[in-house]
């Protein structure tokens, strides 16, 4: 029996939402807004673990950039950070 590399595994939308720690409706909105790729199997959507990892990494980088900008702005304006 051949095992699949976990990065190439497809998850259900419920599993994908759990993986990203977001609500199922929020995940569906990401799919519908084409912010996250998916495949359709019959009438069900499947999301690759690799795509979820890439999305999470991009989201983390964006969040880090925003936090750095906020901290720099707070220091510049004397807010004690």
PDB file of N, CA and C in Angstrom:
ATOM      1  N   UNK A   1       0.843  -1.185   0.000  1.00  0.00           N
ATOM      2  CA  UNK A   1       0.000   0.000   0.000  1.00  0.00           C
ATOM      3  C   UNK A   1       0.890   1.251   0.000  1.00  0.00           C
ATOM      4  N   UNK A   2       0.575   2.175  -0.850  1.00  0.00           N
ATOM      5  CA  UNK A   2       1.341   3.401  -1.000  1.00  0.00           C
ATOM      6  C   UNK A   2       0.756   4.494  -0.102  1.00  0.00           C
ATOM      7  N   UNK A   3       1.622   5.172   0.669  1.00  0.00           N
ATOM      8  CA  UNK A   3       1.135   6.267   1.504  1.00  0.00           C
ATOM      9  C   UNK A   3       1.390   7.584   0.793  1.00  0.00           C
ATOM     10  N   UNK A   4       0.479   8.510   0.981  1.00  0.00           N
ATOM     11  CA  UNK A   4       0.597   9.828   0.361  1.00  0.00           C
ATOM     12  C   UNK A   4       1.391  10.757   1.245  1.00  0.00           C
ATOM     13  N   UNK A   5       2.156  11.627   0.598  1.00  0.00           N
ATOM     14  CA  UNK A   5       2.841  12.698   1.302  1.00  0.00           C
ATOM     15  C   UNK A   5       1.753  13.602   1.870  1.00  0.00           C
ATOM     16  N   UNK A   6       1.781  13.901   3.185  1.00  0.00           N
ATOM     17  CA  UNK A   6       0.711  14.704   3.791  1.00  0.00           C
ATOM     18  C   UNK A   6       0.465  16.043   3.103  1.00  0.00           C
ATOM     19  N   UNK A   7       1.471  16.612   2.491  1.00  0.00           N
ATOM     20  CA  UNK A   7       1.306  17.908   1.845  1.00  0.00           C
ATOM     21  C   UNK A   7       0.393  17.819   0.620  1.00  0.00           C
ATOM     22  N   UNK A   8       0.256  16.619   0.051  1.00  0.00           N
ATOM     23  CA  UNK A   8      -0.560  16.427  -1.142  1.00  0.00           C
ATOM     24  C   UNK A   8      -1.950  15.874  -0.825  1.00  0.00           C
ATOM     25  N   UNK A   9      -2.298  15.822   0.434  1.00  0.00           N
ATOM     26  CA  UNK A   9      -3.597  15.307   0.854  1.00  0.00           C
ATOM     27  C   UNK A   9      -4.650  16.394   0.691  1.00  0.00           C
ATOM     28  N   UNK A  10      -5.828  15.990   0.240  1.00  0.00           N
ATOM     29  CA  UNK A  10      -6.958  16.907   0.125  1.00  0.00           C
ATOM     30  C   UNK A  10      -7.836  16.772   1.364  1.00  0.00           C
ATOM     31  N   UNK A  11      -8.253  17.918   1.909  1.00  0.00           N
ATOM     32  CA  UNK A  11      -9.112  17.930   3.090  1.00  0.00           C
ATOM     33  C   UNK A  11     -10.508  18.424   2.729  1.00  0.00           C
ATOM     34  N   UNK A  12     -11.484  18.006   3.513  1.00  0.00           N
ATOM     35  CA  UNK A  12     -12.827  18.553   3.358  1.00  0.00           C
ATOM     36  C   UNK A  12     -12.794  20.006   3.827  1.00  0.00           C
ATOM     37  N   UNK A  13     -13.834  20.750   3.530  1.00  0.00           N
ATOM     38  CA  UNK A  13     -13.862  22.145   3.970  1.00  0.00           C
ATOM     39  C   UNK A  13     -13.926  22.232   5.498  1.00  0.00           C
ATOM     40  N   UNK A  14     -14.586  21.289   6.135  1.00  0.00           N
ATOM     41  CA  UNK A  14     -14.626  21.270   7.607  1.00  0.00           C
ATOM     42  C   UNK A  14     -13.219  21.049   8.164  1.00  0.00           C
ATOM     43  N   UNK A  15     -12.490  20.092   7.594  1.00  0.00           N
ATOM     44  CA  UNK A  15     -11.128  19.820   8.042  1.00  0.00           C
ATOM     45  C   UNK A  15     -10.212  21.011   7.766  1.00  0.00           C
ATOM     46  N   UNK A  16     -10.396  21.641   6.599  1.00  0.00           N
ATOM     47  CA  UNK A  16      -9.575  22.796   6.236  1.00  0.00           C
ATOM     48  C   UNK A  16      -9.825  23.951   7.196  1.00  0.00           C
ATOM     49  N   UNK A  17     -11.078  24.178   7.563  1.00  0.00           N
ATOM     50  CA  UNK A  17     -11.409  25.242   8.516  1.00  0.00           C
ATOM     51  C   UNK A  17     -10.753  24.959   9.863  1.00  0.00           C
ATOM     52  N   UNK A  18     -10.802  23.721  10.282  1.00  0.00           N
ATOM     53  CA  UNK A  18     -10.173  23.340  11.544  1.00  0.00           C
ATOM     54  C   UNK A  18      -8.652  23.531  11.467  1.00  0.00           C
ATOM     55  N   UNK A  19      -8.054  23.168  10.350  1.00  0.00           N
ATOM     56  CA  UNK A  19      -6.609  23.315  10.140  1.00  0.00           C
ATOM     57  C   UNK A  19      -6.183  24.771  10.275  1.00  0.00           C
ATOM     58  N   UNK A  20      -6.975  25.686   9.714  1.00  0.00           N
ATOM     59  CA  UNK A  20      -6.663  27.116   9.782  1.00  0.00           C
ATOM     60  C   UNK A  20      -7.172  27.777  11.066  1.00  0.00           C
ATOM     61  N   UNK A  21      -7.938  27.010  11.849  1.00  0.00           N
ATOM     62  CA  UNK A  21      -8.539  27.529  13.078  1.00  0.00           C
ATOM     63  C   UNK A  21      -9.473  28.708  12.787  1.00  0.00           C
ATOM     64  N   UNK A  22     -10.313  28.520  11.773  1.00  0.00           N
ATOM     65  CA  UNK A  22     -11.327  29.509  11.409  1.00  0.00           C
ATOM     66  C   UNK A  22     -12.677  28.806  11.333  1.00  0.00           C
ATOM     67  N   UNK A  23     -13.734  29.585  11.259  1.00  0.00           N
ATOM     68  CA  UNK A  23     -15.064  28.986  11.140  1.00  0.00           C
ATOM     69  C   UNK A  23     -15.264  28.436   9.727  1.00  0.00           C
ATOM     70  N   UNK A  24     -16.150  27.484   9.607  1.00  0.00           N
ATOM     71  CA  UNK A  24     -16.468  26.912   8.302  1.00  0.00           C
ATOM     72  C   UNK A  24     -17.010  27.975   7.352  1.00  0.00           C
ATOM     73  N   UNK A  25     -17.958  28.842   7.792  1.00  0.00           N
ATOM     74  CA  UNK A  25     -18.442  29.890   6.885  1.00  0.00           C
ATOM     75  C   UNK A  25     -17.325  30.834   6.410  1.00  0.00           C
ATOM     76  N   UNK A  26     -16.368  31.149   7.294  1.00  0.00           N
ATOM     77  CA  UNK A  26     -15.253  32.015   6.894  1.00  0.00           C
ATOM     78  C   UNK A  26     -14.401  31.322   5.837  1.00  0.00           C
ATOM     79  N   UNK A  27     -14.137  30.037   6.026  1.00  0.00           N
ATOM     80  CA  UNK A  27     -13.359  29.286   5.032  1.00  0.00           C
ATOM     81  C   UNK A  27     -14.083  29.286   3.688  1.00  0.00           C
ATOM     82  N   UNK A  28     -15.374  29.063   3.698  1.00  0.00           N
ATOM     83  CA  UNK A  28     -16.154  29.064   2.459  1.00  0.00           C
ATOM     84  C   UNK A  28     -16.046  30.423   1.774  1.00  0.00           C
ATOM     85  N   UNK A  29     -16.066  31.504   2.555  1.00  0.00           N
ATOM     86  CA  UNK A  29     -15.923  32.832   1.945  1.00  0.00           C
ATOM     87  C   UNK A  29     -14.547  32.988   1.306  1.00  0.00           C
ATOM     88  N   UNK A  30     -13.502  32.435   1.919  1.00  0.00           N
ATOM     89  CA  UNK A  30     -12.165  32.474   1.315  1.00  0.00           C
ATOM     90  C   UNK A  30     -12.151  31.732  -0.022  1.00  0.00           C
ATOM     91  N   UNK A  31     -12.836  30.604  -0.073  1.00  0.00           N
ATOM     92  CA  UNK A  31     -12.902  29.818  -1.313  1.00  0.00           C
ATOM     93  C   UNK A  31     -13.674  30.582  -2.384  1.00  0.00           C
ATOM     94  N   UNK A  32     -14.810  31.140  -2.010  1.00  0.00           N
ATOM     95  CA  UNK A  32     -15.655  31.854  -2.973  1.00  0.00           C
ATOM     96  C   UNK A  32     -14.996  33.132  -3.472  1.00  0.00           C
ATOM     97  N   UNK A  33     -14.165  33.763  -2.630  1.00  0.00           N
ATOM     98  CA  UNK A  33     -13.443  34.971  -3.036  1.00  0.00           C
ATOM     99  C   UNK A  33     -12.139  34.633  -3.762  1.00  0.00           C
ATOM    100  N   UNK A  34     -11.911  33.332  -3.980  1.00  0.00           N
ATOM    101  CA  UNK A  34     -10.717  32.822  -4.663  1.00  0.00           C
ATOM    102  C   UNK A  34      -9.414  33.221  -3.970  1.00  0.00           C
ATOM    103  N   UNK A  35      -9.472  33.346  -2.652  1.00  0.00           N
ATOM    104  CA  UNK A  35      -8.277  33.621  -1.867  1.00  0.00           C
ATOM    105  C   UNK A  35      -7.565  32.321  -1.494  1.00  0.00           C
ATOM    106  N   UNK A  36      -8.253  31.225  -1.743  1.00  0.00           N
ATOM    107  CA  UNK A  36      -7.729  29.899  -1.438  1.00  0.00           C
ATOM    108  C   UNK A  36      -8.224  28.946  -2.519  1.00  0.00           C
ATOM    109  N   UNK A  37      -7.311  28.159  -3.074  1.00  0.00           N
ATOM    110  CA  UNK A  37      -7.680  27.241  -4.154  1.00  0.00           C
ATOM    111  C   UNK A  37      -8.368  25.995  -3.595  1.00  0.00           C
ATOM    112  N   UNK A  38      -9.200  25.402  -4.437  1.00  0.00           N
ATOM    113  CA  UNK A  38      -9.849  24.143  -4.075  1.00  0.00           C
ATOM    114  C   UNK A  38     -10.193  23.373  -5.343  1.00  0.00           C
ATOM    115  N   UNK A  39     -10.481  22.100  -5.146  1.00  0.00           N
ATOM    116  CA  UNK A  39     -10.937  21.248  -6.241  1.00  0.00           C
ATOM    117  C   UNK A  39     -12.320  20.744  -5.872  1.00  0.00           C
ATOM    118  N   UNK A  40     -13.095  20.427  -6.872  1.00  0.00           N
ATOM    119  CA  UNK A  40     -14.423  19.889  -6.629  1.00  0.00           C
ATOM    120  C   UNK A  40     -14.413  18.395  -6.931  1.00  0.00           C
ATOM    121  N   UNK A  41     -14.905  17.618  -5.980  1.00  0.00           N
ATOM    122  CA  UNK A  41     -15.033  16.174  -6.141  1.00  0.00           C
ATOM    123  C   UNK A  41     -16.519  15.885  -6.015  1.00  0.00           C
ATOM    124  N   UNK A  42     -17.146  15.616  -7.149  1.00  0.00           N
ATOM    125  CA  UNK A  42     -18.600  15.494  -7.149  1.00  0.00           C
ATOM    126  C   UNK A  42     -19.175  16.862  -6.841  1.00  0.00           C
ATOM    127  N   UNK A  43     -19.924  16.972  -5.765  1.00  0.00           N
ATOM    128  CA  UNK A  43     -20.464  18.275  -5.364  1.00  0.00           C
ATOM    129  C   UNK A  43     -19.752  18.831  -4.136  1.00  0.00           C
ATOM    130  N   UNK A  44     -18.645  18.202  -3.767  1.00  0.00           N
ATOM    131  CA  UNK A  44     -17.920  18.603  -2.563  1.00  0.00           C
ATOM    132  C   UNK A  44     -16.604  19.283  -2.903  1.00  0.00           C
ATOM    133  N   UNK A  45     -16.254  20.266  -2.099  1.00  0.00           N
ATOM    134  CA  UNK A  45     -14.981  20.972  -2.283  1.00  0.00           C
ATOM    135  C   UNK A  45     -13.905  20.286  -1.449  1.00  0.00           C
ATOM    136  N   UNK A  46     -12.704  20.241  -2.014  1.00  0.00           N
ATOM    137  CA  UNK A  46     -11.544  19.695  -1.314  1.00  0.00           C
ATOM    138  C   UNK A  46     -10.413  20.707  -1.406  1.00  0.00           C
ATOM    139  N   UNK A  47      -9.670  20.843  -0.321  1.00  0.00           N
ATOM    140  CA  UNK A  47      -8.578  21.818  -0.252  1.00  0.00           C
ATOM    141  C   UNK A  47      -7.288  21.062   0.072  1.00  0.00           C
ATOM    142  N   UNK A  48      -6.235  21.349  -0.687  1.00  0.00           N
ATOM    143  CA  UNK A  48      -4.944  20.691  -0.452  1.00  0.00           C
ATOM    144  C   UNK A  48      -4.255  21.274   0.771  1.00  0.00           C
ATOM    145  N   UNK A  49      -3.610  20.403   1.517  1.00  0.00           N
ATOM    146  CA  UNK A  49      -2.852  20.830   2.690  1.00  0.00           C
ATOM    147  C   UNK A  49      -1.778  21.831   2.274  1.00  0.00           C
ATOM    148  N   UNK A  50      -1.130  21.605   1.138  1.00  0.00           N
ATOM    149  CA  UNK A  50      -0.084  22.519   0.657  1.00  0.00           C
ATOM    150  C   UNK A  50      -0.646  23.919   0.442  1.00  0.00           C
ATOM    151  N   UNK A  51      -1.853  24.023  -0.089  1.00  0.00           N
ATOM    152  CA  UNK A  51      -2.477  25.335  -0.307  1.00  0.00           C
ATOM    153  C   UNK A  51      -2.832  25.994   1.026  1.00  0.00           C
ATOM    154  N   UNK A  52      -3.263  25.196   1.994  1.00  0.00           N
ATOM    155  CA  UNK A  52      -3.579  25.732   3.317  1.00  0.00           C
ATOM    156  C   UNK A  52      -2.312  26.250   4.001  1.00  0.00           C
ATOM    157  N   UNK A  53      -1.214  25.504   3.878  1.00  0.00           N
ATOM    158  CA  UNK A  53       0.049  25.936   4.469  1.00  0.00           C
ATOM    159  C   UNK A  53       0.516  27.241   3.842  1.00  0.00           C
ATOM    160  N   UNK A  54       0.446  27.329   2.526  1.00  0.00           N
ATOM    161  CA  UNK A  54       0.874  28.547   1.829  1.00  0.00           C
ATOM    162  C   UNK A  54       0.007  29.728   2.240  1.00  0.00           C
ATOM    163  N   UNK A  55      -1.299  29.514   2.344  1.00  0.00           N
ATOM    164  CA  UNK A  55      -2.206  30.587   2.765  1.00  0.00           C
ATOM    165  C   UNK A  55      -1.867  31.042   4.179  1.00  0.00           C
ATOM    166  N   UNK A  56      -1.670  30.087   5.076  1.00  0.00           N
ATOM    167  CA  UNK A  56      -1.371  30.421   6.478  1.00  0.00           C
ATOM    168  C   UNK A  56      -0.044  31.177   6.587  1.00  0.00           C
ATOM    169  N   UNK A  57       0.965  30.745   5.837  1.00  0.00           N
ATOM    170  CA  UNK A  57       2.257  31.437   5.865  1.00  0.00           C
ATOM    171  C   UNK A  57       2.129  32.867   5.347  1.00  0.00           C
ATOM    172  N   UNK A  58       1.394  33.055   4.271  1.00  0.00           N
ATOM    173  CA  UNK A  58       1.174  34.395   3.734  1.00  0.00           C
ATOM    174  C   UNK A  58       0.411  35.269   4.706  1.00  0.00           C
ATOM    175  N   UNK A  59      -0.584  34.690   5.343  1.00  0.00           N
ATOM    176  CA  UNK A  59      -1.387  35.424   6.327  1.00  0.00           C
ATOM    177  C   UNK A  59      -0.534  35.803   7.532  1.00  0.00           C
ATOM    178  N   UNK A  60       0.318  34.882   7.982  1.00  0.00           N
ATOM    179  CA  UNK A  60       1.207  35.161   9.109  1.00  0.00           C
ATOM    180  C   UNK A  60       2.174  36.292   8.776  1.00  0.00           C
ATOM    181  N   UNK A  61       2.737  36.276   7.568  1.00  0.00           N
ATOM    182  CA  UNK A  61       3.667  37.326   7.151  1.00  0.00           C
ATOM    183  C   UNK A  61       2.968  38.682   7.094  1.00  0.00           C
ATOM    184  N   UNK A  62       1.759  38.690   6.557  1.00  0.00           N
ATOM    185  CA  UNK A  62       1.000  39.936   6.475  1.00  0.00           C
ATOM    186  C   UNK A  62       0.690  40.470   7.873  1.00  0.00           C
ATOM    187  N   UNK A  63       0.297  39.591   8.766  1.00  0.00           N
ATOM    188  CA  UNK A  63      -0.023  39.988  10.142  1.00  0.00           C
ATOM    189  C   UNK A  63       1.228  40.544  10.837  1.00  0.00           C
ATOM    190  N   UNK A  64       2.369  39.891  10.627  1.00  0.00           N
ATOM    191  CA  UNK A  64       3.619  40.354  11.234  1.00  0.00           C
ATOM    192  C   UNK A  64       4.004  41.742  10.718  1.00  0.00           C
ATOM    193  N   UNK A  65       3.840  41.966   9.423  1.00  0.00           N
ATOM    194  CA  UNK A  65       4.147  43.272   8.835  1.00  0.00           C
ATOM    195  C   UNK A  65       3.267  44.361   9.449  1.00  0.00           C
ATOM    196  N   UNK A  66       1.989  44.083   9.569  1.00  0.00           N
ATOM    197  CA  UNK A  66       1.050  45.062  10.144  1.00  0.00           C
ATOM    198  C   UNK A  66       1.402  45.352  11.602  1.00  0.00           C
ATOM    199  N   UNK A  67       1.743  44.316  12.366  1.00  0.00           N
ATOM    200  CA  UNK A  67       2.097  44.523  13.769  1.00  0.00           C
ATOM    201  C   UNK A  67       3.362  45.365  13.909  1.00  0.00           C
ATOM    202  N   UNK A  68       4.344  45.116  13.052  1.00  0.00           N
ATOM    203  CA  UNK A  68       5.575  45.917  13.091  1.00  0.00           C
ATOM    204  C   UNK A  68       5.271  47.381  12.775  1.00  0.00           C
ATOM    205  N   UNK A  69       4.405  47.602  11.778  1.00  0.00           N
ATOM    206  CA  UNK A  69       4.033  48.971  11.415  1.00  0.00           C
ATOM    207  C   UNK A  69       3.301  49.665  12.562  1.00  0.00           C
ATOM    208  N   UNK A  70       2.420  48.955  13.229  1.00  0.00           N
ATOM    209  CA  UNK A  70       1.695  49.524  14.364  1.00  0.00           C
ATOM    210  C   UNK A  70       2.646  49.851  15.513  1.00  0.00           C
ATOM    211  N   UNK A  71       3.580  48.942  15.796  1.00  0.00           N
ATOM    212  CA  UNK A  71       4.548  49.176  16.874  1.00  0.00           C
ATOM    213  C   UNK A  71       5.434  50.382  16.547  1.00  0.00           C
ATOM    214  N   UNK A  72       5.879  50.462  15.295  1.00  0.00           N
ATOM    215  CA  UNK A  72       6.725  51.599  14.877  1.00  0.00           C
ATOM    216  C   UNK A  72       5.947  52.905  15.002  1.00  0.00           C
ATOM    217  N   UNK A  73       4.690  52.886  14.589  1.00  0.00           N
ATOM    218  CA  UNK A  73       3.842  54.084  14.684  1.00  0.00           C
ATOM    219  C   UNK A  73       3.631  54.472  16.145  1.00  0.00           C
ATOM    220  N   UNK A  74       3.418  53.477  17.013  1.00  0.00           N
ATOM    221  CA  UNK A  74       3.221  53.753  18.433  1.00  0.00           C
ATOM    222  C   UNK A  74       4.478  54.365  19.044  1.00  0.00           C
ATOM    223  N   UNK A  75       5.647  53.849  18.667  1.00  0.00           N
ATOM    224  CA  UNK A  75       6.902  54.418  19.186  1.00  0.00           C
ATOM    225  C   UNK A  75       7.099  55.838  18.678  1.00  0.00           C
ATOM    226  N   UNK A  76       6.826  56.031  17.425  1.00  0.00           N
ATOM    227  CA  UNK A  76       6.993  57.348  16.810  1.00  0.00           C
ATOM    228  C   UNK A  76       6.104  58.392  17.490  1.00  0.00           C
ATOM    229  N   UNK A  77       4.940  57.966  17.885  1.00  0.00           N
ATOM    230  CA  UNK A  77       3.975  58.893  18.492  1.00  0.00           C
ATOM    231  C   UNK A  77       4.002  58.855  20.026  1.00  0.00           C
ATOM    232  N   UNK A  78       5.006  58.192  20.594  1.00  0.00           N
ATOM    233  CA  UNK A  78       5.183  58.201  22.050  1.00  0.00           C
ATOM    234  C   UNK A  78       4.131  57.455  22.833  1.00  0.00           C
ATOM    235  N   UNK A  79       3.652  56.333  22.307  1.00  0.00           N
ATOM    236  CA  UNK A  79       2.624  55.560  23.015  1.00  0.00           C
ATOM    237  C   UNK A  79       3.211  54.469  23.897  1.00  0.00           C
ATOM    238  N   UNK A  80       4.530  54.485  24.068  1.00  0.00           N
ATOM    239  CA  UNK A  80       5.155  53.583  25.042  1.00  0.00           C
ATOM    240  C   UNK A  80       5.394  52.161  24.608  1.00  0.00           C
ATOM    241  N   UNK A  81       5.435  51.880  23.319  1.00  0.00           N
ATOM    242  CA  UNK A  81       5.719  50.509  22.873  1.00  0.00           C
ATOM    243  C   UNK A  81       7.128  50.403  22.398  1.00  0.00           C
TER     244      UNK A  81
END
